[in-house]
Amino acid sequence: MKDFYNKAKDAVTAVSGKVSSQVGQGVSFVNEIVDGIRVIASFERSGTYQVEYDEKHYFVVPLTLSETGFALHTMRCLPESVLEINDLPKRRVFHFANEHYEAALREYLIRGAQDFVNENCSEHKSTLESLANDIDALDSKLTRGMLVVGGLTALFNPLIGAGIAVKAVTPGAIGLMNKYGLRPIGEKISSSSLEKSVKDAETNILKQFTESTTLKITNPILQELELALNTDQDQHDPLLDPNLSRGSVPELDGDRWRDLTERAMWHVYGDIYKDISMHEKARLGPEDIRWFKTLFARFSK
């Protein structure tokens, strides 16, 4: 784990190149392996808020293919058409299958990210808020703030010479550009000016979330996934037996958590689900694949 910082720094270039080449296809997430953990970040919007929040979700998704036994998916979710920089109340939500995954996440960050995030913060690792701060630092470094500010940083496309074109693909991107002094779409601006503006926006948003409300929930879908990975067809069939994923999360309003969890599951397991040769390695039996088929129906069309 001692090379954590260098690996994360090296991943930045690869991620930036990957995202830049896919932005035109509407890609809204990045996916990398850092020190044995699959780190995914995405930006989502939802029209199902009962009380509007600017939310950051942290999904700790059971994944036997990972050295850590889980994947970490961070996801920022905003109401439709709300700017990335806004005055909505901020909320962080941790999603665990059970308390074991909270402990595993904490151990991973203490072992691997301490030097990368803050050499002097070990005594503060006991709270979810400090865990969230550490994850945000990793998330920000890994993606260069791409999803923190709603996708703007990912839109760096080098042109001939030193110019950079900025293409807005999120509802609040134009407002964000104006707020931080970026020139209109299509005009060339210097790389240093653009990077400074995006860094200012990123710092602003991270600061907003530092003092946000932090919730911890036991996520029914992740509970069911954990059960599915540790049983065979004779022991448990998610479609025929009582299914934990049908449970509720009273701490959160409505069923938005369900939609976001299914998206996180798709980002983690989509490629595995589509590759038959990976099923056994991922400890997915035929009964689990049948469950995934219903869970991923809207994503796999």
Protein backbone atom coordinates (compact mmCIF):
# COMPACT_ATOMS: atom_id res chain seq x y z
CA MET A 1 0.00 0.00 0.00
CA LYS A 2 2.98 2.33 0.31
CA ASP A 3 2.83 3.18 -3.39
CA PHE A 4 -0.81 4.24 -3.13
CA TYR A 5 -0.14 7.89 -3.96
CA ASN A 6 1.95 7.13 -7.03
CA LYS A 7 -0.59 4.65 -8.32
CA ALA A 8 -3.41 7.14 -7.89
CA LYS A 9 -1.37 9.85 -9.59
CA ASP A 10 -0.54 7.54 -12.50
CA ALA A 11 -4.21 6.60 -12.80
CA VAL A 12 -5.20 10.24 -13.28
CA THR A 13 -3.68 10.44 -16.75
CA ALA A 14 -5.28 7.17 -17.84
CA VAL A 15 -8.66 8.18 -16.50
CA SER A 16 -8.52 11.62 -18.10
CA GLY A 17 -7.68 10.12 -21.46
CA LYS A 18 -10.37 7.47 -21.18
CA VAL A 19 -13.08 9.93 -20.20
CA SER A 20 -12.11 12.50 -22.82
CA SER A 21 -12.38 9.88 -25.55
CA GLN A 22 -15.83 8.82 -24.39
CA VAL A 23 -17.53 12.08 -23.46
CA GLY A 24 -19.20 12.32 -26.83
CA GLN A 25 -20.94 9.04 -26.07
CA GLY A 26 -22.54 10.43 -22.93
CA VAL A 27 -20.32 8.53 -20.47
CA SER A 28 -20.90 9.80 -16.95
CA PHE A 29 -18.62 7.62 -14.86
CA VAL A 30 -15.00 6.56 -14.51
CA ASN A 31 -13.71 3.20 -13.38
CA GLU A 32 -10.19 2.34 -12.21
CA ILE A 33 -8.32 -0.14 -10.02
CA VAL A 34 -6.19 1.47 -7.30
CA ASP A 35 -4.24 -0.79 -4.93
CA GLY A 36 -6.58 -3.72 -5.35
CA ILE A 37 -9.82 -1.80 -4.97
CA ARG A 38 -12.14 -0.98 -7.84
CA VAL A 39 -12.91 2.74 -7.56
CA ILE A 40 -15.86 4.07 -9.55
CA ALA A 41 -17.28 7.58 -9.60
CA SER A 42 -20.43 8.81 -11.30
CA PHE A 43 -22.68 11.83 -11.56
CA GLU A 44 -26.44 11.33 -11.57
CA ARG A 45 -29.60 13.43 -11.59
CA SER A 46 -32.98 12.54 -10.18
CA GLY A 47 -36.48 13.94 -10.40
CA THR A 48 -37.82 12.01 -7.41
CA TYR A 49 -36.73 14.18 -4.49
CA GLN A 50 -39.38 14.83 -1.84
CA VAL A 51 -37.02 17.24 -0.06
CA GLU A 52 -34.26 18.44 -2.36
CA TYR A 53 -30.65 17.70 -1.36
CA ASP A 54 -27.29 17.85 -3.04
CA GLU A 55 -26.20 14.31 -2.20
CA LYS A 56 -22.98 12.33 -2.25
CA HIS A 57 -23.50 8.57 -2.02
CA TYR A 58 -20.82 6.05 -1.08
CA PHE A 59 -21.69 2.51 -2.16
CA VAL A 60 -19.50 -0.25 -0.73
CA VAL A 61 -20.48 -3.01 -3.16
CA PRO A 62 -19.52 -6.64 -2.36
CA LEU A 63 -17.19 -7.88 -5.11
CA THR A 64 -15.21 -11.10 -4.69
CA LEU A 65 -12.98 -10.26 -7.67
CA SER A 66 -11.52 -7.34 -5.71
CA GLU A 67 -8.57 -7.90 -3.37
CA THR A 68 -10.48 -5.98 -0.72
CA GLY A 69 -13.71 -7.94 -1.22
CA PHE A 70 -15.63 -4.86 -2.33
CA ALA A 71 -15.76 -2.04 -4.87
CA LEU A 72 -16.11 1.58 -3.83
CA HIS A 73 -18.59 3.59 -5.89
CA THR A 74 -18.96 7.28 -5.15
CA MET A 75 -21.94 8.98 -6.73
CA ARG A 76 -23.06 12.58 -6.63
CA CYS A 77 -26.78 13.05 -7.17
CA LEU A 78 -28.56 16.34 -7.86
CA PRO A 79 -32.19 17.24 -8.63
CA GLU A 80 -32.89 17.85 -12.29
CA SER A 81 -31.58 21.19 -13.65
CA VAL A 82 -29.92 22.24 -10.36
CA LEU A 83 -26.48 23.79 -10.82
CA GLU A 84 -23.42 21.88 -9.65
CA ILE A 85 -22.62 24.77 -7.31
CA ASN A 86 -25.78 25.47 -5.36
CA ASP A 87 -27.28 26.36 -1.99
CA LEU A 88 -29.14 23.11 -1.39
CA PRO A 89 -28.51 21.33 1.93
CA LYS A 90 -25.72 18.79 1.53
CA ARG A 91 -26.03 15.16 2.53
CA ARG A 92 -23.62 12.22 2.46
CA VAL A 93 -25.03 8.70 2.49
CA PHE A 94 -22.99 5.53 3.12
CA HIS A 95 -24.48 2.31 1.75
CA PHE A 96 -23.30 -0.96 3.33
CA ALA A 97 -24.45 -4.56 3.04
CA ASN A 98 -23.61 -5.02 6.72
CA GLU A 99 -21.28 -3.69 9.39
CA HIS A 100 -18.40 -5.86 8.13
CA TYR A 101 -18.05 -3.68 5.05
CA GLU A 102 -17.87 -0.50 7.09
CA ALA A 103 -14.95 -2.01 9.02
CA ALA A 104 -13.29 -3.23 5.80
CA LEU A 105 -13.58 0.20 4.21
CA ARG A 106 -12.15 1.88 7.28
CA GLU A 107 -9.20 -0.56 7.37
CA TYR A 108 -8.48 -0.02 3.69
CA LEU A 109 -8.38 3.76 4.04
CA ILE A 110 -6.28 3.66 7.18
CA ARG A 111 -3.73 1.29 5.61
CA GLY A 112 -3.55 2.73 2.16
CA ALA A 113 -4.75 6.30 2.02
CA GLN A 114 -3.34 7.85 5.17
CA ASP A 115 -0.21 9.27 3.56
CA PHE A 116 -2.15 10.11 0.41
CA VAL A 117 -4.90 12.01 2.18
CA ASN A 118 -3.50 13.41 5.42
CA GLU A 119 -0.52 12.15 7.42
CA ASN A 120 -1.94 13.49 10.65
CA CYS A 121 -5.55 12.35 10.52
CA SER A 122 -5.28 8.79 11.85
CA GLU A 123 -6.83 9.73 15.19
CA HIS A 124 -9.91 11.03 13.40
CA LYS A 125 -10.66 7.88 11.41
CA SER A 126 -13.46 6.75 13.69
CA THR A 127 -16.24 8.83 12.15
CA LEU A 128 -18.08 8.42 8.88
CA GLU A 129 -17.51 12.10 8.19
CA SER A 130 -13.74 11.62 8.21
CA LEU A 131 -14.09 8.50 6.06
CA ALA A 132 -16.12 10.54 3.58
CA ASN A 133 -13.47 13.27 3.54
CA ASP A 134 -10.75 10.71 2.79
CA ILE A 135 -12.80 9.08 0.04
CA ASP A 136 -13.57 12.47 -1.50
CA ALA A 137 -9.86 13.25 -1.57
CA LEU A 138 -9.15 9.98 -3.39
CA ASP A 139 -12.13 10.48 -5.67
CA SER A 140 -11.01 14.01 -6.52
CA LYS A 141 -7.40 13.08 -7.19
CA LEU A 142 -8.33 10.06 -9.26
CA THR A 143 -10.77 11.87 -11.53
CA ARG A 144 -9.30 15.40 -11.40
CA GLY A 145 -12.62 16.59 -10.04
CA MET A 146 -14.44 15.41 -13.15
CA LEU A 147 -17.58 14.26 -11.43
CA VAL A 148 -17.30 16.55 -8.44
CA VAL A 149 -18.20 19.50 -10.66
CA GLY A 150 -20.67 17.62 -12.80
CA GLY A 151 -18.44 16.54 -15.64
CA LEU A 152 -16.65 19.75 -16.58
CA THR A 153 -13.08 18.63 -16.00
CA ALA A 154 -13.55 15.56 -18.17
CA LEU A 155 -14.29 17.77 -21.15
CA PHE A 156 -10.69 18.83 -21.78
CA ASN A 157 -10.04 18.10 -25.45
CA PRO A 158 -6.63 19.26 -26.67
CA LEU A 159 -6.77 21.21 -29.93
CA ILE A 160 -4.03 22.28 -32.31
CA GLY A 161 -1.62 24.47 -30.36
CA ALA A 162 -2.22 25.30 -26.70
CA GLY A 163 -5.99 25.83 -26.88
CA ILE A 164 -8.65 23.77 -25.12
CA ALA A 165 -12.28 23.41 -26.17
CA VAL A 166 -14.89 23.11 -23.46
CA LYS A 167 -18.11 21.33 -24.32
CA ALA A 168 -20.99 21.54 -21.84
CA VAL A 169 -23.02 18.35 -21.43
CA THR A 170 -24.62 18.88 -18.01
CA PRO A 171 -27.49 21.27 -17.21
CA GLY A 172 -25.42 23.42 -14.87
CA ALA A 173 -22.17 23.48 -16.81
CA ILE A 174 -22.75 26.87 -18.49
CA GLY A 175 -23.57 28.48 -15.16
CA LEU A 176 -20.49 26.90 -13.66
CA MET A 177 -18.32 28.19 -16.48
CA ASN A 178 -19.67 31.71 -16.08
CA LYS A 179 -19.21 31.63 -12.31
CA TYR A 180 -15.55 30.76 -12.62
CA GLY A 181 -14.73 33.00 -15.55
CA LEU A 182 -14.48 30.42 -18.30
CA ARG A 183 -15.02 31.72 -21.80
CA PRO A 184 -18.01 30.78 -23.98
CA ILE A 185 -18.11 27.35 -25.57
CA GLY A 186 -15.89 27.05 -28.61
CA GLU A 187 -13.38 29.75 -27.62
CA LYS A 188 -9.80 28.79 -26.90
CA ILE A 189 -8.46 29.41 -23.41
CA SER A 190 -5.16 28.57 -21.79
CA SER A 191 -4.69 25.25 -20.08
CA SER A 192 -3.48 26.87 -16.85
CA SER A 193 -6.48 29.21 -16.71
CA LEU A 194 -8.95 26.39 -17.24
CA GLU A 195 -7.30 24.12 -14.69
CA LYS A 196 -7.28 26.89 -12.08
CA SER A 197 -10.96 27.63 -12.66
CA VAL A 198 -11.93 23.99 -12.35
CA LYS A 199 -9.77 23.59 -9.25
CA ASP A 200 -11.55 26.56 -7.66
CA ALA A 201 -14.91 24.97 -8.42
CA GLU A 202 -13.79 21.61 -7.09
CA THR A 203 -12.46 23.14 -3.86
CA ASN A 204 -15.71 25.04 -3.39
CA ILE A 205 -17.84 21.91 -3.69
CA LEU A 206 -15.61 19.77 -1.48
CA LYS A 207 -15.75 22.47 1.17
CA GLN A 208 -19.54 22.50 1.00
CA PHE A 209 -19.69 18.78 1.69
CA THR A 210 -17.23 18.90 4.59
CA GLU A 211 -19.93 20.06 6.99
CA SER A 212 -22.78 18.08 5.47
CA THR A 213 -25.11 15.64 7.20
CA THR A 214 -23.76 12.07 7.04
CA LEU A 215 -26.05 9.03 7.12
CA LYS A 216 -25.23 5.34 7.29
CA ILE A 217 -27.73 2.84 5.93
CA THR A 218 -27.91 -0.91 5.52
CA ASN A 219 -28.85 -1.14 1.86
CA PRO A 220 -31.31 -4.02 1.12
CA ILE A 221 -30.02 -4.54 -2.43
CA LEU A 222 -26.42 -4.82 -1.22
CA GLN A 223 -27.64 -7.16 1.53
CA GLU A 224 -29.21 -9.42 -1.09
CA LEU A 225 -26.05 -9.29 -3.20
CA GLU A 226 -23.93 -10.34 -0.23
CA LEU A 227 -26.30 -13.26 0.42
CA ALA A 228 -26.31 -14.25 -3.26
CA LEU A 229 -22.49 -14.34 -3.42
CA ASN A 230 -22.31 -16.65 -0.43
CA THR A 231 -25.02 -19.17 -1.36
CA ASP A 232 -25.68 -21.56 -4.20
CA GLN A 233 -28.92 -22.22 -6.05
CA ASP A 234 -30.07 -24.87 -3.58
CA GLN A 235 -29.52 -22.60 -0.61
CA HIS A 236 -31.03 -19.39 -1.98
CA ASP A 237 -32.64 -18.24 -5.22
CA PRO A 238 -33.18 -14.44 -5.26
CA LEU A 239 -36.21 -14.72 -7.54
CA LEU A 240 -37.95 -17.63 -5.78
CA ASP A 241 -37.04 -17.17 -2.12
CA PRO A 242 -37.68 -14.17 0.14
CA ASN A 243 -35.56 -11.38 -1.31
CA LEU A 244 -33.84 -8.88 0.96
CA SER A 245 -33.62 -6.32 -1.86
CA ARG A 246 -37.34 -5.65 -1.57
CA GLY A 247 -36.79 -4.01 1.82
CA SER A 248 -37.06 -0.29 2.52
CA VAL A 249 -34.73 2.44 3.75
CA PRO A 250 -36.76 4.61 6.15
CA GLU A 251 -33.86 7.04 6.64
CA LEU A 252 -34.19 8.23 3.02
CA ASP A 253 -37.18 9.78 1.29
CA GLY A 254 -38.87 7.73 -1.41
CA ASP A 255 -37.23 5.07 -3.56
CA ARG A 256 -34.47 7.18 -5.11
CA TRP A 257 -31.92 5.09 -3.18
CA ARG A 258 -33.15 2.03 -5.10
CA ASP A 259 -32.56 3.59 -8.52
CA LEU A 260 -29.10 4.85 -7.49
CA THR A 261 -28.13 1.47 -6.02
CA GLU A 262 -29.16 -0.35 -9.18
CA ARG A 263 -27.04 2.09 -11.19
CA ALA A 264 -24.08 1.51 -8.90
CA MET A 265 -24.58 -2.26 -9.23
CA TRP A 266 -24.65 -1.95 -13.02
CA HIS A 267 -21.44 0.10 -13.04
CA VAL A 268 -19.70 -2.53 -10.90
CA TYR A 269 -21.18 -5.71 -12.36
CA GLY A 270 -22.35 -4.78 -15.86
CA ASP A 271 -19.28 -6.09 -17.70
CA ILE A 272 -19.11 -9.18 -15.50
CA TYR A 273 -22.80 -9.91 -16.10
CA LYS A 274 -22.31 -9.72 -19.88
CA ASP A 275 -19.21 -11.98 -19.86
CA ILE A 276 -20.19 -15.59 -19.21
CA SER A 277 -16.56 -16.56 -18.58
CA MET A 278 -16.49 -14.22 -15.56
CA HIS A 279 -19.56 -15.59 -13.77
CA GLU A 280 -17.88 -18.40 -11.86
CA LYS A 281 -14.86 -16.24 -10.97
CA ALA A 282 -17.23 -13.64 -9.52
CA ARG A 283 -19.11 -16.38 -7.60
CA LEU A 284 -22.29 -15.76 -9.57
CA GLY A 285 -24.50 -18.80 -10.05
CA PRO A 286 -27.27 -19.16 -12.64
CA GLU A 287 -29.82 -18.04 -10.04
CA ASP A 288 -27.82 -14.84 -9.44
CA ILE A 289 -27.59 -14.12 -13.17
CA ARG A 290 -31.36 -14.49 -13.46
CA TRP A 291 -31.74 -11.93 -10.67
CA PHE A 292 -29.25 -9.62 -12.38
CA LYS A 293 -31.24 -9.93 -15.60
CA THR A 294 -34.28 -8.39 -13.91
CA LEU A 295 -32.17 -5.86 -12.00
CA PHE A 296 -30.27 -4.68 -15.08
CA ALA A 297 -33.07 -4.86 -17.66
CA ARG A 298 -33.21 -1.09 -18.24
CA PHE A 299 -29.41 -0.76 -18.52
CA SER A 300 -28.58 -3.70 -20.78
CA LYS A 301 -30.84 -2.86 -23.72
